[in-house]
PDB file of all heavy atoms in Angstrom:
ATOM      1  N   GLU A   1     -36.853 -11.452 -23.657  1.00  0.00           N
ATOM      2  CA  GLU A   1     -37.198 -11.155 -24.991  1.00  0.00           C
ATOM      3  C   GLU A   1     -36.082 -10.293 -25.601  1.00  0.00           C
ATOM      4  O   GLU A   1     -35.539  -9.545 -24.852  1.00  0.00           O
ATOM      5  CB  GLU A   1     -38.501 -10.310 -25.011  1.00  0.00           C
ATOM      6  CG  GLU A   1     -39.763 -11.065 -24.628  1.00  0.00           C
ATOM      7  CD  GLU A   1     -40.930 -10.026 -24.683  1.00  0.00           C
ATOM      8  OE1 GLU A   1     -41.340  -9.456 -25.785  1.00  0.00           O
ATOM      9  OE2 GLU A   1     -41.553  -9.889 -23.607  1.00  0.00           O
ATOM     10  N   VAL A   2     -35.939 -10.358 -26.889  1.00  0.00           N
ATOM     11  CA  VAL A   2     -34.985  -9.474 -27.572  1.00  0.00           C
ATOM     12  C   VAL A   2     -35.852  -8.698 -28.552  1.00  0.00           C
ATOM     13  O   VAL A   2     -36.552  -9.280 -29.402  1.00  0.00           O
ATOM     14  CB  VAL A   2     -33.917 -10.332 -28.345  1.00  0.00           C
ATOM     15  CG1 VAL A   2     -32.950  -9.331 -29.094  1.00  0.00           C
ATOM     16  CG2 VAL A   2     -33.173 -11.124 -27.321  1.00  0.00           C
ATOM     17  N   LEU A   3     -35.859  -7.426 -28.417  1.00  0.00           N
ATOM     18  CA  LEU A   3     -36.739  -6.478 -29.267  1.00  0.00           C
ATOM     19  C   LEU A   3     -35.868  -5.618 -30.269  1.00  0.00           C
ATOM     20  O   LEU A   3     -34.971  -5.028 -29.734  1.00  0.00           O
ATOM     21  CB  LEU A   3     -37.607  -5.595 -28.338  1.00  0.00           C
ATOM     22  CG  LEU A   3     -38.304  -6.338 -27.194  1.00  0.00           C
ATOM     23  CD1 LEU A   3     -38.915  -5.385 -26.213  1.00  0.00           C
ATOM     24  CD2 LEU A   3     -39.433  -7.189 -27.688  1.00  0.00           C
ATOM     25  N   PHE A   4     -36.335  -5.642 -31.476  1.00  0.00           N
ATOM     26  CA  PHE A   4     -35.592  -4.900 -32.401  1.00  0.00           C
ATOM     27  C   PHE A   4     -36.353  -3.569 -32.841  1.00  0.00           C
ATOM     28  O   PHE A   4     -37.563  -3.710 -33.139  1.00  0.00           O
ATOM     29  CB  PHE A   4     -35.325  -5.716 -33.791  1.00  0.00           C
ATOM     30  CG  PHE A   4     -34.505  -7.009 -33.423  1.00  0.00           C
ATOM     31  CD1 PHE A   4     -35.006  -8.140 -33.117  1.00  0.00           C
ATOM     32  CD2 PHE A   4     -33.119  -6.925 -33.653  1.00  0.00           C
ATOM     33  CE1 PHE A   4     -34.284  -9.199 -32.828  1.00  0.00           C
ATOM     34  CE2 PHE A   4     -32.400  -8.045 -33.555  1.00  0.00           C
ATOM     35  CZ  PHE A   4     -32.980  -9.201 -33.056  1.00  0.00           C
ATOM     36  N   ASP A   5     -35.663  -2.519 -32.783  1.00  0.00           N
ATOM     37  CA  ASP A   5     -36.265  -1.175 -33.022  1.00  0.00           C
ATOM     38  C   ASP A   5     -36.656  -1.130 -34.470  1.00  0.00           C
ATOM     39  O   ASP A   5     -35.808  -1.341 -35.439  1.00  0.00           O
ATOM     40  CB  ASP A   5     -35.438  -0.086 -32.700  1.00  0.00           C
ATOM     41  CG  ASP A   5     -35.991   1.259 -32.611  1.00  0.00           C
ATOM     42  OD1 ASP A   5     -36.810   1.586 -33.467  1.00  0.00           O
ATOM     43  OD2 ASP A   5     -35.722   2.138 -31.814  1.00  0.00           O
ATOM     44  N   GLU A   6     -37.878  -0.794 -34.814  1.00  0.00           N
ATOM     45  CA  GLU A   6     -38.435  -0.657 -36.138  1.00  0.00           C
ATOM     46  C   GLU A   6     -37.886   0.566 -36.785  1.00  0.00           C
ATOM     47  O   GLU A   6     -37.978   0.723 -38.048  1.00  0.00           O
ATOM     48  CB  GLU A   6     -40.016  -0.734 -36.214  1.00  0.00           C
ATOM     49  CG  GLU A   6     -40.552  -2.006 -35.947  1.00  0.00           C
ATOM     50  CD  GLU A   6     -40.254  -3.044 -37.163  1.00  0.00           C
ATOM     51  OE1 GLU A   6     -40.422  -2.557 -38.279  1.00  0.00           O
ATOM     52  OE2 GLU A   6     -39.908  -4.266 -36.842  1.00  0.00           O
ATOM     53  N   ASN A   7     -37.448   1.605 -36.068  1.00  0.00           N
ATOM     54  CA  ASN A   7     -37.090   2.813 -36.664  1.00  0.00           C
ATOM     55  C   ASN A   7     -35.652   3.151 -36.472  1.00  0.00           C
ATOM     56  O   ASN A   7     -35.180   4.155 -37.127  1.00  0.00           O
ATOM     57  CB  ASN A   7     -37.864   3.959 -35.804  1.00  0.00           C
ATOM     58  CG  ASN A   7     -39.421   3.806 -36.016  1.00  0.00           C
ATOM     59  OD1 ASN A   7     -39.893   3.706 -37.106  1.00  0.00           O
ATOM     60  ND2 ASN A   7     -40.095   3.816 -34.844  1.00  0.00           N
ATOM     61  N   ARG A   8     -34.832   2.375 -35.922  1.00  0.00           N
ATOM     62  CA  ARG A   8     -33.380   2.733 -35.808  1.00  0.00           C
ATOM     63  C   ARG A   8     -32.688   1.348 -36.065  1.00  0.00           C
ATOM     64  O   ARG A   8     -32.649   0.581 -35.163  1.00  0.00           O
ATOM     65  CB  ARG A   8     -33.101   3.408 -34.513  1.00  0.00           C
ATOM     66  CG  ARG A   8     -31.613   3.676 -34.383  1.00  0.00           C
ATOM     67  CD  ARG A   8     -31.450   4.957 -33.654  1.00  0.00           C
ATOM     68  NE  ARG A   8     -30.059   5.357 -33.575  1.00  0.00           N
ATOM     69  CZ  ARG A   8     -29.367   5.976 -32.752  1.00  0.00           C
ATOM     70  NH1 ARG A   8     -30.081   6.508 -31.778  1.00  0.00           N
ATOM     71  NH2 ARG A   8     -28.135   6.224 -32.820  1.00  0.00           N
ATOM     72  N   VAL A   9     -31.900   1.251 -37.004  1.00  0.00           N
ATOM     73  CA  VAL A   9     -31.104   0.135 -37.353  1.00  0.00           C
ATOM     74  C   VAL A   9     -30.038   0.005 -36.251  1.00  0.00           C
ATOM     75  O   VAL A   9     -29.373   0.933 -35.813  1.00  0.00           O
ATOM     76  CB  VAL A   9     -30.353   0.293 -38.684  1.00  0.00           C
ATOM     77  CG1 VAL A   9     -29.398  -0.815 -38.927  1.00  0.00           C
ATOM     78  CG2 VAL A   9     -31.305   0.432 -39.813  1.00  0.00           C
ATOM     79  N   GLY A  10     -29.975  -1.283 -35.764  1.00  0.00           N
ATOM     80  CA  GLY A  10     -28.940  -1.592 -34.719  1.00  0.00           C
ATOM     81  C   GLY A  10     -29.441  -1.435 -33.308  1.00  0.00           C
ATOM     82  O   GLY A  10     -28.681  -1.660 -32.395  1.00  0.00           O
ATOM     83  N   ARG A  11     -30.508  -0.902 -32.990  1.00  0.00           N
ATOM     84  CA  ARG A  11     -31.074  -0.664 -31.707  1.00  0.00           C
ATOM     85  C   ARG A  11     -31.733  -1.929 -31.225  1.00  0.00           C
ATOM     86  O   ARG A  11     -32.744  -2.338 -31.900  1.00  0.00           O
ATOM     87  CB  ARG A  11     -31.900   0.596 -31.517  1.00  0.00           C
ATOM     88  CG  ARG A  11     -32.358   0.742 -30.048  1.00  0.00           C
ATOM     89  CD  ARG A  11     -33.131   1.985 -29.790  1.00  0.00           C
ATOM     90  NE  ARG A  11     -32.318   3.137 -29.874  1.00  0.00           N
ATOM     91  CZ  ARG A  11     -32.726   4.340 -30.043  1.00  0.00           C
ATOM     92  NH1 ARG A  11     -34.168   4.498 -30.228  1.00  0.00           N
ATOM     93  NH2 ARG A  11     -31.997   5.316 -30.110  1.00  0.00           N
ATOM     94  N   ILE A  12     -31.358  -2.465 -30.166  1.00  0.00           N
ATOM     95  CA  ILE A  12     -31.937  -3.634 -29.568  1.00  0.00           C
ATOM     96  C   ILE A  12     -32.271  -3.425 -28.101  1.00  0.00           C
ATOM     97  O   ILE A  12     -31.454  -2.733 -27.502  1.00  0.00           O
ATOM     98  CB  ILE A  12     -31.042  -4.882 -29.815  1.00  0.00           C
ATOM     99  CG1 ILE A  12     -30.854  -5.140 -31.197  1.00  0.00           C
ATOM    100  CG2 ILE A  12     -31.639  -6.051 -29.065  1.00  0.00           C
ATOM    101  CD1 ILE A  12     -29.939  -6.270 -31.565  1.00  0.00           C
ATOM    102  N   VAL A  13     -33.325  -3.869 -27.657  1.00  0.00           N
ATOM    103  CA  VAL A  13     -33.648  -3.839 -26.192  1.00  0.00           C
ATOM    104  C   VAL A  13     -33.957  -5.295 -25.715  1.00  0.00           C
ATOM    105  O   VAL A  13     -34.626  -6.067 -26.379  1.00  0.00           O
ATOM    106  CB  VAL A  13     -34.937  -3.031 -25.868  1.00  0.00           C
ATOM    107  CG1 VAL A  13     -35.310  -3.098 -24.519  1.00  0.00           C
ATOM    108  CG2 VAL A  13     -34.624  -1.520 -26.376  1.00  0.00           C
ATOM    109  N   THR A  14     -33.194  -5.675 -24.638  1.00  0.00           N
ATOM    110  CA  THR A  14     -33.515  -6.930 -24.068  1.00  0.00           C
ATOM    111  C   THR A  14     -34.430  -6.725 -22.838  1.00  0.00           C
ATOM    112  O   THR A  14     -34.254  -5.700 -22.151  1.00  0.00           O
ATOM    113  CB  THR A  14     -32.269  -7.730 -23.611  1.00  0.00           C
ATOM    114  OG1 THR A  14     -31.564  -6.908 -22.645  1.00  0.00           O
ATOM    115  CG2 THR A  14     -31.375  -7.976 -24.787  1.00  0.00           C
ATOM    116  N   TYR A  15     -35.343  -7.526 -22.648  1.00  0.00           N
ATOM    117  CA  TYR A  15     -36.410  -7.479 -21.560  1.00  0.00           C
ATOM    118  C   TYR A  15     -36.430  -8.775 -20.889  1.00  0.00           C
ATOM    119  O   TYR A  15     -36.825  -9.677 -21.466  1.00  0.00           O
ATOM    120  CB  TYR A  15     -37.717  -7.031 -22.269  1.00  0.00           C
ATOM    121  CG  TYR A  15     -38.887  -6.999 -21.183  1.00  0.00           C
ATOM    122  CD1 TYR A  15     -38.901  -5.730 -20.462  1.00  0.00           C
ATOM    123  CD2 TYR A  15     -39.791  -7.901 -21.117  1.00  0.00           C
ATOM    124  CE1 TYR A  15     -40.004  -5.632 -19.565  1.00  0.00           C
ATOM    125  CE2 TYR A  15     -40.903  -7.780 -20.175  1.00  0.00           C
ATOM    126  CZ  TYR A  15     -40.944  -6.586 -19.517  1.00  0.00           C
ATOM    127  OH  TYR A  15     -41.941  -6.382 -18.498  1.00  0.00           O
ATOM    128  N   SER A  16     -35.981  -8.782 -19.707  1.00  0.00           N
ATOM    129  CA  SER A  16     -35.948 -10.141 -18.946  1.00  0.00           C
ATOM    130  C   SER A  16     -36.477 -10.016 -17.569  1.00  0.00           C
ATOM    131  O   SER A  16     -36.621  -8.924 -16.983  1.00  0.00           O
ATOM    132  CB  SER A  16     -34.521 -10.666 -18.916  1.00  0.00           C
ATOM    133  OG  SER A  16     -33.568  -9.680 -18.276  1.00  0.00           O
ATOM    134  N   HIS A  17     -37.166 -11.223 -17.116  1.00  0.00           N
ATOM    135  CA  HIS A  17     -37.654 -11.276 -15.812  1.00  0.00           C
ATOM    136  C   HIS A  17     -36.833 -12.285 -14.944  1.00  0.00           C
ATOM    137  O   HIS A  17     -36.374 -13.285 -15.475  1.00  0.00           O
ATOM    138  CB  HIS A  17     -39.011 -11.926 -15.818  1.00  0.00           C
ATOM    139  CG  HIS A  17     -40.101 -10.988 -16.543  1.00  0.00           C
ATOM    140  ND1 HIS A  17     -41.343 -11.388 -16.699  1.00  0.00           N
ATOM    141  CD2 HIS A  17     -39.877  -9.898 -16.981  1.00  0.00           C
ATOM    142  CE1 HIS A  17     -42.064 -10.396 -17.306  1.00  0.00           C
ATOM    143  NE2 HIS A  17     -41.213  -9.478 -17.508  1.00  0.00           N
ATOM    144  N   TRP A  18     -36.481 -11.956 -13.763  1.00  0.00           N
ATOM    145  CA  TRP A  18     -35.679 -12.792 -12.948  1.00  0.00           C
ATOM    146  C   TRP A  18     -36.314 -12.920 -11.589  1.00  0.00           C
ATOM    147  O   TRP A  18     -37.034 -12.103 -11.009  1.00  0.00           O
ATOM    148  CB  TRP A  18     -34.323 -12.080 -12.712  1.00  0.00           C
ATOM    149  CG  TRP A  18     -33.500 -11.906 -13.860  1.00  0.00           C
ATOM    150  CD1 TRP A  18     -33.691 -10.921 -14.913  1.00  0.00           C
ATOM    151  CD2 TRP A  18     -32.458 -12.751 -14.487  1.00  0.00           C
ATOM    152  NE1 TRP A  18     -32.836 -11.170 -15.915  1.00  0.00           N
ATOM    153  CE2 TRP A  18     -32.120 -12.295 -15.709  1.00  0.00           C
ATOM    154  CE3 TRP A  18     -32.033 -14.003 -13.905  1.00  0.00           C
ATOM    155  CZ2 TRP A  18     -31.140 -12.912 -16.369  1.00  0.00           C
ATOM    156  CZ3 TRP A  18     -31.008 -14.583 -14.710  1.00  0.00           C
ATOM    157  CH2 TRP A  18     -30.648 -14.020 -15.951  1.00  0.00           C
ATOM    158  N   GLU A  19     -36.044 -14.149 -10.941  1.00  0.00           N
ATOM    159  CA  GLU A  19     -36.684 -14.476  -9.726  1.00  0.00           C
ATOM    160  C   GLU A  19     -36.319 -13.579  -8.643  1.00  0.00           C
ATOM    161  O   GLU A  19     -37.031 -13.291  -7.790  1.00  0.00           O
ATOM    162  CB  GLU A  19     -36.298 -16.009  -9.344  1.00  0.00           C
ATOM    163  CG  GLU A  19     -36.992 -16.989 -10.147  1.00  0.00           C
ATOM    164  CD  GLU A  19     -36.546 -18.344  -9.746  1.00  0.00           C
ATOM    165  OE1 GLU A  19     -35.619 -18.558  -8.842  1.00  0.00           O
ATOM    166  OE2 GLU A  19     -36.987 -19.296 -10.344  1.00  0.00           O
ATOM    167  N   SER A  20     -34.991 -13.035  -8.715  1.00  0.00           N
ATOM    168  CA  SER A  20     -34.559 -12.209  -7.613  1.00  0.00           C
ATOM    169  C   SER A  20     -33.363 -11.439  -8.154  1.00  0.00           C
ATOM    170  O   SER A  20     -32.732 -11.801  -9.160  1.00  0.00           O
ATOM    171  CB  SER A  20     -34.126 -13.042  -6.375  1.00  0.00           C
ATOM    172  OG  SER A  20     -33.035 -13.839  -6.741  1.00  0.00           O
ATOM    173  N   ILE A  21     -32.935 -10.392  -7.425  1.00  0.00           N
ATOM    174  CA  ILE A  21     -31.716  -9.670  -7.754  1.00  0.00           C
ATOM    175  C   ILE A  21     -30.500 -10.508  -7.625  1.00  0.00           C
ATOM    176  O   ILE A  21     -29.582 -10.414  -8.266  1.00  0.00           O
ATOM    177  CB  ILE A  21     -31.629  -8.326  -6.952  1.00  0.00           C
ATOM    178  CG1 ILE A  21     -30.581  -7.412  -7.561  1.00  0.00           C
ATOM    179  CG2 ILE A  21     -31.387  -8.615  -5.416  1.00  0.00           C
ATOM    180  CD1 ILE A  21     -30.994  -6.742  -8.798  1.00  0.00           C
ATOM    181  N   LYS A  22     -30.616 -11.490  -6.596  1.00  0.00           N
ATOM    182  CA  LYS A  22     -29.486 -12.427  -6.422  1.00  0.00           C
ATOM    183  C   LYS A  22     -29.287 -13.296  -7.751  1.00  0.00           C
ATOM    184  O   LYS A  22     -28.160 -13.395  -8.141  1.00  0.00           O
ATOM    185  CB  LYS A  22     -29.725 -13.379  -5.254  1.00  0.00           C
ATOM    186  CG  LYS A  22     -28.598 -14.260  -4.941  1.00  0.00           C
ATOM    187  CD  LYS A  22     -28.974 -15.156  -3.666  1.00  0.00           C
ATOM    188  CE  LYS A  22     -27.779 -15.970  -3.424  1.00  0.00           C
ATOM    189  NZ  LYS A  22     -28.154 -17.431  -3.316  1.00  0.00           N
ATOM    190  N   ALA A  23     -30.271 -13.777  -8.276  1.00  0.00           N
ATOM    191  CA  ALA A  23     -30.239 -14.516  -9.495  1.00  0.00           C
ATOM    192  C   ALA A  23     -29.664 -13.721 -10.676  1.00  0.00           C
ATOM    193  O   ALA A  23     -28.774 -14.255 -11.371  1.00  0.00           O
ATOM    194  CB  ALA A  23     -31.621 -15.170  -9.914  1.00  0.00           C
ATOM    195  N   LEU A  24     -30.184 -12.509 -10.812  1.00  0.00           N
ATOM    196  CA  LEU A  24     -29.739 -11.651 -11.867  1.00  0.00           C
ATOM    197  C   LEU A  24     -28.180 -11.402 -11.701  1.00  0.00           C
ATOM    198  O   LEU A  24     -27.329 -11.437 -12.655  1.00  0.00           O
ATOM    199  CB  LEU A  24     -30.433 -10.251 -11.874  1.00  0.00           C
ATOM    200  CG  LEU A  24     -29.859  -9.220 -12.807  1.00  0.00           C
ATOM    201  CD1 LEU A  24     -29.814  -9.590 -14.214  1.00  0.00           C
ATOM    202  CD2 LEU A  24     -30.558  -7.917 -12.630  1.00  0.00           C
ATOM    203  N   ASN A  25     -27.782 -10.980 -10.392  1.00  0.00           N
ATOM    204  CA  ASN A  25     -26.353 -10.742 -10.219  1.00  0.00           C
ATOM    205  C   ASN A  25     -25.530 -12.024 -10.312  1.00  0.00           C
ATOM    206  O   ASN A  25     -24.296 -11.805 -10.797  1.00  0.00           O
ATOM    207  CB  ASN A  25     -26.146 -10.186  -8.785  1.00  0.00           C
ATOM    208  CG  ASN A  25     -26.670  -8.682  -8.752  1.00  0.00           C
ATOM    209  OD1 ASN A  25     -26.647  -8.084  -9.688  1.00  0.00           O
ATOM    210  ND2 ASN A  25     -27.053  -8.311  -7.584  1.00  0.00           N
ATOM    211  N   GLU A  26     -26.028 -13.112 -10.057  1.00  0.00           N
ATOM    212  CA  GLU A  26     -25.225 -14.301 -10.311  1.00  0.00           C
ATOM    213  C   GLU A  26     -24.901 -14.576 -11.731  1.00  0.00           C
ATOM    214  O   GLU A  26     -23.883 -14.908 -12.148  1.00  0.00           O
ATOM    215  CB  GLU A  26     -25.886 -15.564  -9.679  1.00  0.00           C
ATOM    216  CG  GLU A  26     -25.764 -15.639  -8.137  1.00  0.00           C
ATOM    217  CD  GLU A  26     -26.589 -16.710  -7.502  1.00  0.00           C
ATOM    218  OE1 GLU A  26     -27.263 -17.407  -8.206  1.00  0.00           O
ATOM    219  OE2 GLU A  26     -26.405 -16.882  -6.249  1.00  0.00           O
ATOM    220  N   TYR A  27     -25.905 -14.295 -12.633  1.00  0.00           N
ATOM    221  CA  TYR A  27     -25.832 -14.326 -13.965  1.00  0.00           C
ATOM    222  C   TYR A  27     -24.807 -13.307 -14.443  1.00  0.00           C
ATOM    223  O   TYR A  27     -23.884 -13.549 -15.221  1.00  0.00           O
ATOM    224  CB  TYR A  27     -27.112 -14.249 -14.706  1.00  0.00           C
ATOM    225  CG  TYR A  27     -26.819 -13.814 -16.133  1.00  0.00           C
ATOM    226  CD1 TYR A  27     -26.413 -14.690 -17.085  1.00  0.00           C
ATOM    227  CD2 TYR A  27     -27.217 -12.509 -16.631  1.00  0.00           C
ATOM    228  CE1 TYR A  27     -26.260 -14.441 -18.510  1.00  0.00           C
ATOM    229  CE2 TYR A  27     -26.894 -12.174 -17.972  1.00  0.00           C
ATOM    230  CZ  TYR A  27     -26.494 -13.152 -18.865  1.00  0.00           C
ATOM    231  OH  TYR A  27     -26.267 -12.815 -20.149  1.00  0.00           O
ATOM    232  N   ARG A  28     -24.928 -12.064 -13.952  1.00  0.00           N
ATOM    233  CA  ARG A  28     -24.052 -11.020 -14.359  1.00  0.00           C
ATOM    234  C   ARG A  28     -22.465 -11.216 -13.984  1.00  0.00           C
ATOM    235  O   ARG A  28     -21.677 -10.635 -14.487  1.00  0.00           O
ATOM    236  CB  ARG A  28     -24.519  -9.607 -13.848  1.00  0.00           C
ATOM    237  CG  ARG A  28     -25.939  -9.235 -14.478  1.00  0.00           C
ATOM    238  CD  ARG A  28     -26.447  -8.019 -13.967  1.00  0.00           C
ATOM    239  NE  ARG A  28     -25.505  -6.920 -14.303  1.00  0.00           N
ATOM    240  CZ  ARG A  28     -25.292  -5.719 -13.616  1.00  0.00           C
ATOM    241  NH1 ARG A  28     -25.894  -5.694 -12.407  1.00  0.00           N
ATOM    242  NH2 ARG A  28     -24.575  -4.867 -14.034  1.00  0.00           N
ATOM    243  N   CYS A  29     -22.351 -12.124 -13.065  1.00  0.00           N
ATOM    244  CA  CYS A  29     -21.059 -12.469 -12.503  1.00  0.00           C
ATOM    245  C   CYS A  29     -20.377 -13.775 -13.221  1.00  0.00           C
ATOM    246  O   CYS A  29     -19.432 -14.196 -12.864  1.00  0.00           O
ATOM    247  CB  CYS A  29     -20.942 -12.515 -11.090  1.00  0.00           C
ATOM    248  SG  CYS A  29     -21.227 -11.009 -10.135  1.00  0.00           S
ATOM    249  N   SER A  30     -21.258 -14.233 -14.131  1.00  0.00           N
ATOM    250  CA  SER A  30     -20.946 -15.588 -14.682  1.00  0.00           C
ATOM    251  C   SER A  30     -20.008 -15.542 -15.882  1.00  0.00           C
ATOM    252  O   SER A  30     -19.936 -14.488 -16.491  1.00  0.00           O
ATOM    253  CB  SER A  30     -22.232 -16.306 -15.054  1.00  0.00           C
ATOM    254  OG  SER A  30     -22.803 -15.754 -16.220  1.00  0.00           O
ATOM    255  N   GLU A  31     -19.472 -16.740 -16.255  1.00  0.00           N
ATOM    256  CA  GLU A  31     -18.747 -16.841 -17.372  1.00  0.00           C
ATOM    257  C   GLU A  31     -19.543 -16.692 -18.627  1.00  0.00           C
ATOM    258  O   GLU A  31     -19.070 -16.088 -19.685  1.00  0.00           O
ATOM    259  CB  GLU A  31     -18.018 -18.208 -17.437  1.00  0.00           C
ATOM    260  CG  GLU A  31     -16.921 -18.274 -18.498  1.00  0.00           C
ATOM    261  CD  GLU A  31     -16.189 -19.654 -18.397  1.00  0.00           C
ATOM    262  OE1 GLU A  31     -15.895 -20.112 -17.296  1.00  0.00           O
ATOM    263  OE2 GLU A  31     -15.789 -20.171 -19.458  1.00  0.00           O
ATOM    264  N   VAL A  32     -20.780 -17.143 -18.627  1.00  0.00           N
ATOM    265  CA  VAL A  32     -21.670 -16.813 -19.741  1.00  0.00           C
ATOM    266  C   VAL A  32     -21.778 -15.490 -20.121  1.00  0.00           C
ATOM    267  O   VAL A  32     -21.727 -15.045 -21.256  1.00  0.00           O
ATOM    268  CB  VAL A  32     -23.050 -17.589 -19.372  1.00  0.00           C
ATOM    269  CG1 VAL A  32     -24.099 -17.142 -20.448  1.00  0.00           C
ATOM    270  CG2 VAL A  32     -22.974 -19.132 -19.360  1.00  0.00           C
ATOM    271  N   PHE A  33     -22.029 -14.691 -19.044  1.00  0.00           N
ATOM    272  CA  PHE A  33     -22.184 -13.200 -19.279  1.00  0.00           C
ATOM    273  C   PHE A  33     -20.879 -12.604 -19.743  1.00  0.00           C
ATOM    274  O   PHE A  33     -20.860 -11.800 -20.699  1.00  0.00           O
ATOM    275  CB  PHE A  33     -22.612 -12.525 -17.966  1.00  0.00           C
ATOM    276  CG  PHE A  33     -22.806 -11.105 -18.078  1.00  0.00           C
ATOM    277  CD1 PHE A  33     -23.937 -10.541 -18.502  1.00  0.00           C
ATOM    278  CD2 PHE A  33     -21.858 -10.190 -17.671  1.00  0.00           C
ATOM    279  CE1 PHE A  33     -24.140  -9.063 -18.728  1.00  0.00           C
ATOM    280  CE2 PHE A  33     -21.982  -8.781 -17.750  1.00  0.00           C
ATOM    281  CZ  PHE A  33     -23.208  -8.323 -18.255  1.00  0.00           C
ATOM    282  N   ARG A  34     -19.842 -12.943 -19.153  1.00  0.00           N
ATOM    283  CA  ARG A  34     -18.461 -12.429 -19.580  1.00  0.00           C
ATOM    284  C   ARG A  34     -18.156 -12.840 -21.022  1.00  0.00           C
ATOM    285  O   ARG A  34     -17.684 -11.913 -21.832  1.00  0.00           O
ATOM    286  CB  ARG A  34     -17.344 -12.849 -18.718  1.00  0.00           C
ATOM    287  CG  ARG A  34     -17.295 -12.183 -17.368  1.00  0.00           C
ATOM    288  CD  ARG A  34     -15.951 -12.506 -16.642  1.00  0.00           C
ATOM    289  NE  ARG A  34     -15.915 -13.910 -16.267  1.00  0.00           N
ATOM    290  CZ  ARG A  34     -16.473 -14.467 -15.270  1.00  0.00           C
ATOM    291  NH1 ARG A  34     -17.218 -13.710 -14.408  1.00  0.00           N
ATOM    292  NH2 ARG A  34     -16.315 -15.720 -14.954  1.00  0.00           N
ATOM    293  N   ASP A  35     -18.377 -14.034 -21.375  1.00  0.00           N
ATOM    294  CA  ASP A  35     -18.191 -14.497 -22.767  1.00  0.00           C
ATOM    295  C   ASP A  35     -19.061 -13.579 -23.783  1.00  0.00           C
ATOM    296  O   ASP A  35     -18.669 -13.181 -24.866  1.00  0.00           O
ATOM    297  CB  ASP A  35     -18.488 -15.874 -22.873  1.00  0.00           C
ATOM    298  CG  ASP A  35     -17.478 -16.702 -22.272  1.00  0.00           C
ATOM    299  OD1 ASP A  35     -16.450 -16.281 -21.830  1.00  0.00           O
ATOM    300  OD2 ASP A  35     -17.799 -18.015 -22.143  1.00  0.00           O
ATOM    301  N   PHE A  36     -20.268 -13.426 -23.395  1.00  0.00           N
ATOM    302  CA  PHE A  36     -21.253 -12.630 -24.244  1.00  0.00           C
ATOM    303  C   PHE A  36     -20.756 -11.269 -24.430  1.00  0.00           C
ATOM    304  O   PHE A  36     -20.541 -10.712 -25.597  1.00  0.00           O
ATOM    305  CB  PHE A  36     -22.567 -12.670 -23.585  1.00  0.00           C
ATOM    306  CG  PHE A  36     -23.447 -11.585 -24.158  1.00  0.00           C
ATOM    307  CD1 PHE A  36     -24.166 -11.796 -25.454  1.00  0.00           C
ATOM    308  CD2 PHE A  36     -23.780 -10.390 -23.509  1.00  0.00           C
ATOM    309  CE1 PHE A  36     -24.941 -10.766 -26.002  1.00  0.00           C
ATOM    310  CE2 PHE A  36     -24.593  -9.454 -24.085  1.00  0.00           C
ATOM    311  CZ  PHE A  36     -25.267  -9.698 -25.280  1.00  0.00           C
ATOM    312  N   TRP A  37     -20.346 -10.554 -23.378  1.00  0.00           N
ATOM    313  CA  TRP A  37     -19.813  -9.174 -23.473  1.00  0.00           C
ATOM    314  C   TRP A  37     -18.550  -8.987 -24.309  1.00  0.00           C
ATOM    315  O   TRP A  37     -18.261  -8.074 -24.935  1.00  0.00           O
ATOM    316  CB  TRP A  37     -19.928  -8.455 -22.151  1.00  0.00           C
ATOM    317  CG  TRP A  37     -21.124  -7.967 -21.773  1.00  0.00           C
ATOM    318  CD1 TRP A  37     -21.950  -8.441 -20.778  1.00  0.00           C
ATOM    319  CD2 TRP A  37     -21.956  -6.950 -22.331  1.00  0.00           C
ATOM    320  NE1 TRP A  37     -23.201  -7.736 -20.796  1.00  0.00           N
ATOM    321  CE2 TRP A  37     -23.111  -6.788 -21.849  1.00  0.00           C
ATOM    322  CE3 TRP A  37     -21.591  -6.085 -23.472  1.00  0.00           C
ATOM    323  CZ2 TRP A  37     -24.069  -5.880 -22.183  1.00  0.00           C
ATOM    324  CZ3 TRP A  37     -22.584  -5.172 -23.842  1.00  0.00           C
ATOM    325  CH2 TRP A  37     -23.811  -5.079 -23.229  1.00  0.00           C
ATOM    326  N   THR A  38     -17.613 -10.021 -24.031  1.00  0.00           N
ATOM    327  CA  THR A  38     -16.423 -10.016 -24.781  1.00  0.00           C
ATOM    328  C   THR A  38     -16.560  -9.936 -26.292  1.00  0.00           C
ATOM    329  O   THR A  38     -15.939  -9.316 -27.017  1.00  0.00           O
ATOM    330  CB  THR A  38     -15.527 -11.321 -24.431  1.00  0.00           C
ATOM    331  OG1 THR A  38     -15.352 -11.207 -23.049  1.00  0.00           O
ATOM    332  CG2 THR A  38     -14.246 -11.331 -25.171  1.00  0.00           C
ATOM    333  N   VAL A  39     -17.619 -10.673 -26.728  1.00  0.00           N
ATOM    334  CA  VAL A  39     -17.895 -10.777 -28.145  1.00  0.00           C
ATOM    335  C   VAL A  39     -18.722  -9.661 -28.706  1.00  0.00           C
ATOM    336  O   VAL A  39     -18.484  -9.028 -29.724  1.00  0.00           O
ATOM    337  CB  VAL A  39     -18.714 -12.096 -28.510  1.00  0.00           C
ATOM    338  CG1 VAL A  39     -19.204 -12.128 -29.927  1.00  0.00           C
ATOM    339  CG2 VAL A  39     -17.813 -13.320 -28.200  1.00  0.00           C
ATOM    340  N   VAL A  40     -19.796  -9.079 -27.894  1.00  0.00           N
ATOM    341  CA  VAL A  40     -20.683  -8.093 -28.298  1.00  0.00           C
ATOM    342  C   VAL A  40     -20.182  -6.727 -28.135  1.00  0.00           C
ATOM    343  O   VAL A  40     -20.471  -5.867 -28.979  1.00  0.00           O
ATOM    344  CB  VAL A  40     -22.055  -8.337 -27.632  1.00  0.00           C
ATOM    345  CG1 VAL A  40     -22.920  -7.230 -27.849  1.00  0.00           C
ATOM    346  CG2 VAL A  40     -22.676  -9.586 -28.059  1.00  0.00           C
TER     347      VAL A  40
END
């Protein structure tokens, strides 16, 4: 989920569920994650 703060412009919270810490870490080490952070 991507949640937008109603009281503060530009504040966003992401809320995600992962099968395991391994799955989360594999995503965090991925090119998809790196590309996202390079832009954002």
